[in-house]
Amino acid sequence: MQQEIDYEKLGLKIKEIRINRGITQEKLAELVGCNTSHISNIENNHTKVSLNVLLSIANALNTSIDYLLSSQYQNSSFALDNEILRAIKNCDNIKKEKILKIIEIL
């Protein structure tokens, strides 16, 4: 059975990550090479995002397509693991030690 992409969930995930990264729709549109209304339409499920634009959005948000779609996977663990690794990759050792302590507490 073919599974359909839930574009509403995808748009909300893009919006969540964009906001968490402190990026405006205008800036994301600039980075992606489209207009602001297109980003708004994607985030609000008024249009389906093309694969090319999705790839550009993922790159602009410094994330991966698999993480953007991870809530739609039956097993999203792999995508989440990769996103965690991506998030801590550029941390210095002091921050990594703090993150490790937090993980151990959880």
C-alpha atoms as a PDB file:
ATOM      1  CA  MET A   1       0.000   0.000   0.000  1.00  0.00           C
ATOM      2  CA  GLN A   2       1.381   3.369  -1.035  1.00  0.00           C
ATOM      3  CA  GLN A   3       1.583   5.902   1.760  1.00  0.00           C
ATOM      4  CA  GLU A   4       0.703   9.530   1.093  1.00  0.00           C
ATOM      5  CA  ILE A   5       2.799  12.364   2.467  1.00  0.00           C
ATOM      6  CA  ASP A   6       0.939  14.425   5.053  1.00  0.00           C
ATOM      7  CA  TYR A   7       1.797  17.899   3.774  1.00  0.00           C
ATOM      8  CA  GLU A   8       0.155  19.536   6.773  1.00  0.00           C
ATOM      9  CA  LYS A   9       2.534  17.754   9.162  1.00  0.00           C
ATOM     10  CA  LEU A  10       5.458  18.527   6.861  1.00  0.00           C
ATOM     11  CA  GLY A  11       4.585  22.232   6.746  1.00  0.00           C
ATOM     12  CA  LEU A  12       4.246  22.404  10.523  1.00  0.00           C
ATOM     13  CA  LYS A  13       7.627  20.688  10.962  1.00  0.00           C
ATOM     14  CA  ILE A  14       9.281  23.147   8.577  1.00  0.00           C
ATOM     15  CA  LYS A  15       7.712  26.062  10.448  1.00  0.00           C
ATOM     16  CA  GLU A  16       8.756  24.656  13.848  1.00  0.00           C
ATOM     17  CA  ILE A  17      12.374  24.208  12.789  1.00  0.00           C
ATOM     18  CA  ARG A  18      12.475  27.600  11.057  1.00  0.00           C
ATOM     19  CA  ILE A  19      11.211  29.350  14.183  1.00  0.00           C
ATOM     20  CA  ASN A  20      13.561  27.395  16.466  1.00  0.00           C
ATOM     21  CA  ARG A  21      16.474  28.454  14.268  1.00  0.00           C
ATOM     22  CA  GLY A  22      15.363  32.098  14.431  1.00  0.00           C
ATOM     23  CA  ILE A  23      14.816  32.336  10.679  1.00  0.00           C
ATOM     24  CA  THR A  24      11.988  34.394   9.221  1.00  0.00           C
ATOM     25  CA  GLN A  25       9.906  33.246   6.281  1.00  0.00           C
ATOM     26  CA  GLU A  26      11.521  36.042   4.279  1.00  0.00           C
ATOM     27  CA  LYS A  27      15.031  34.825   5.060  1.00  0.00           C
ATOM     28  CA  LEU A  28      14.122  31.192   4.349  1.00  0.00           C
ATOM     29  CA  ALA A  29      12.595  32.209   1.022  1.00  0.00           C
ATOM     30  CA  GLU A  30      15.783  34.097   0.177  1.00  0.00           C
ATOM     31  CA  LEU A  31      17.946  31.082   1.082  1.00  0.00           C
ATOM     32  CA  VAL A  32      15.708  28.719  -0.902  1.00  0.00           C
ATOM     33  CA  GLY A  33      15.336  31.012  -3.906  1.00  0.00           C
ATOM     34  CA  CYS A  34      11.575  31.431  -3.875  1.00  0.00           C
ATOM     35  CA  ASN A  35       9.152  34.056  -2.640  1.00  0.00           C
ATOM     36  CA  THR A  36       7.877  34.444   0.917  1.00  0.00           C
ATOM     37  CA  SER A  37       4.316  33.556  -0.004  1.00  0.00           C
ATOM     38  CA  HIS A  38       5.492  30.172  -1.295  1.00  0.00           C
ATOM     39  CA  ILE A  39       7.116  29.390   2.075  1.00  0.00           C
ATOM     40  CA  SER A  40       3.930  30.512   3.840  1.00  0.00           C
ATOM     41  CA  ASN A  41       1.814  28.340   1.555  1.00  0.00           C
ATOM     42  CA  ILE A  42       4.031  25.320   2.268  1.00  0.00           C
ATOM     43  CA  GLU A  43       3.932  25.868   6.037  1.00  0.00           C
ATOM     44  CA  ASN A  44       0.146  26.345   6.015  1.00  0.00           C
ATOM     45  CA  ASN A  45      -0.605  23.399   3.699  1.00  0.00           C
ATOM     46  CA  HIS A  46      -1.948  25.567   0.881  1.00  0.00           C
ATOM     47  CA  THR A  47       0.467  23.994  -1.603  1.00  0.00           C
ATOM     48  CA  LYS A  48       2.457  20.801  -1.905  1.00  0.00           C
ATOM     49  CA  VAL A  49       6.195  21.321  -1.754  1.00  0.00           C
ATOM     50  CA  SER A  50       8.247  19.947  -4.638  1.00  0.00           C
ATOM     51  CA  LEU A  51      11.177  17.662  -3.925  1.00  0.00           C
ATOM     52  CA  ASN A  52      13.639  20.281  -5.200  1.00  0.00           C
ATOM     53  CA  VAL A  53      12.232  22.972  -2.903  1.00  0.00           C
ATOM     54  CA  LEU A  54      12.088  20.527   0.011  1.00  0.00           C
ATOM     55  CA  LEU A  55      15.777  19.753  -0.485  1.00  0.00           C
ATOM     56  CA  SER A  56      16.575  23.486  -0.557  1.00  0.00           C
ATOM     57  CA  ILE A  57      14.538  24.052   2.606  1.00  0.00           C
ATOM     58  CA  ALA A  58      16.308  21.196   4.398  1.00  0.00           C
ATOM     59  CA  ASN A  59      19.699  22.612   3.415  1.00  0.00           C
ATOM     60  CA  ALA A  60      18.717  26.154   4.415  1.00  0.00           C
ATOM     61  CA  LEU A  61      17.509  24.926   7.818  1.00  0.00           C
ATOM     62  CA  ASN A  62      20.607  22.739   8.261  1.00  0.00           C
ATOM     63  CA  THR A  63      18.511  19.628   8.656  1.00  0.00           C
ATOM     64  CA  SER A  64      17.633  16.615   6.546  1.00  0.00           C
ATOM     65  CA  ILE A  65      14.605  15.626   4.525  1.00  0.00           C
ATOM     66  CA  ASP A  66      14.316  12.452   6.581  1.00  0.00           C
ATOM     67  CA  TYR A  67      14.029  14.531   9.759  1.00  0.00           C
ATOM     68  CA  LEU A  68      11.418  16.811   8.169  1.00  0.00           C
ATOM     69  CA  LEU A  69       9.390  13.705   7.327  1.00  0.00           C
ATOM     70  CA  SER A  70      10.304  11.697  10.438  1.00  0.00           C
ATOM     71  CA  SER A  71       6.888  12.045  12.081  1.00  0.00           C
ATOM     72  CA  GLN A  72       5.459  10.190   9.093  1.00  0.00           C
ATOM     73  CA  TYR A  73       7.779   7.180   9.252  1.00  0.00           C
ATOM     74  CA  GLN A  74       6.677   4.010  10.956  1.00  0.00           C
ATOM     75  CA  ASN A  75      10.142   3.907  12.519  1.00  0.00           C
ATOM     76  CA  SER A  76      11.423   7.450  12.932  1.00  0.00           C
ATOM     77  CA  SER A  77      14.260   6.504  15.289  1.00  0.00           C
ATOM     78  CA  PHE A  78      16.973   6.590  12.614  1.00  0.00           C
ATOM     79  CA  ALA A  79      16.013  10.081  11.417  1.00  0.00           C
ATOM     80  CA  LEU A  80      15.897  11.352  14.984  1.00  0.00           C
ATOM     81  CA  ASP A  81      19.298   9.809  15.783  1.00  0.00           C
ATOM     82  CA  ASN A  82      20.809  11.559  12.767  1.00  0.00           C
ATOM     83  CA  GLU A  83      19.262  14.883  13.736  1.00  0.00           C
ATOM     84  CA  ILE A  84      20.678  14.606  17.256  1.00  0.00           C
ATOM     85  CA  LEU A  85      24.128  13.873  15.830  1.00  0.00           C
ATOM     86  CA  ARG A  86      23.795  16.824  13.443  1.00  0.00           C
ATOM     87  CA  ALA A  87      22.812  19.126  16.331  1.00  0.00           C
ATOM     88  CA  ILE A  88      25.794  18.248  18.510  1.00  0.00           C
ATOM     89  CA  LYS A  89      28.375  17.916  15.737  1.00  0.00           C
ATOM     90  CA  ASN A  90      29.587  21.500  16.045  1.00  0.00           C
ATOM     91  CA  CYS A  91      29.480  21.714  19.842  1.00  0.00           C
ATOM     92  CA  ASP A  92      32.711  21.964  21.758  1.00  0.00           C
ATOM     93  CA  ASN A  93      33.653  19.195  24.191  1.00  0.00           C
ATOM     94  CA  ILE A  94      32.333  21.064  27.233  1.00  0.00           C
ATOM     95  CA  LYS A  95      28.868  21.339  25.684  1.00  0.00           C
ATOM     96  CA  LYS A  96      29.005  17.710  24.546  1.00  0.00           C
ATOM     97  CA  GLU A  97      29.795  16.606  28.116  1.00  0.00           C
ATOM     98  CA  LYS A  98      26.838  18.618  29.416  1.00  0.00           C
ATOM     99  CA  ILE A  99      24.558  17.067  26.788  1.00  0.00           C
ATOM    100  CA  LEU A 100      25.780  13.609  27.743  1.00  0.00           C
ATOM    101  CA  LYS A 101      25.001  14.279  31.424  1.00  0.00           C
ATOM    102  CA  ILE A 102      21.509  15.438  30.505  1.00  0.00           C
ATOM    103  CA  ILE A 103      20.961  12.311  28.434  1.00  0.00           C
ATOM    104  CA  GLU A 104      22.152  10.111  31.282  1.00  0.00           C
ATOM    105  CA  ILE A 105      19.736  11.863  33.656  1.00  0.00           C
ATOM    106  CA  LEU A 106      16.846  11.260  31.277  1.00  0.00           C
END
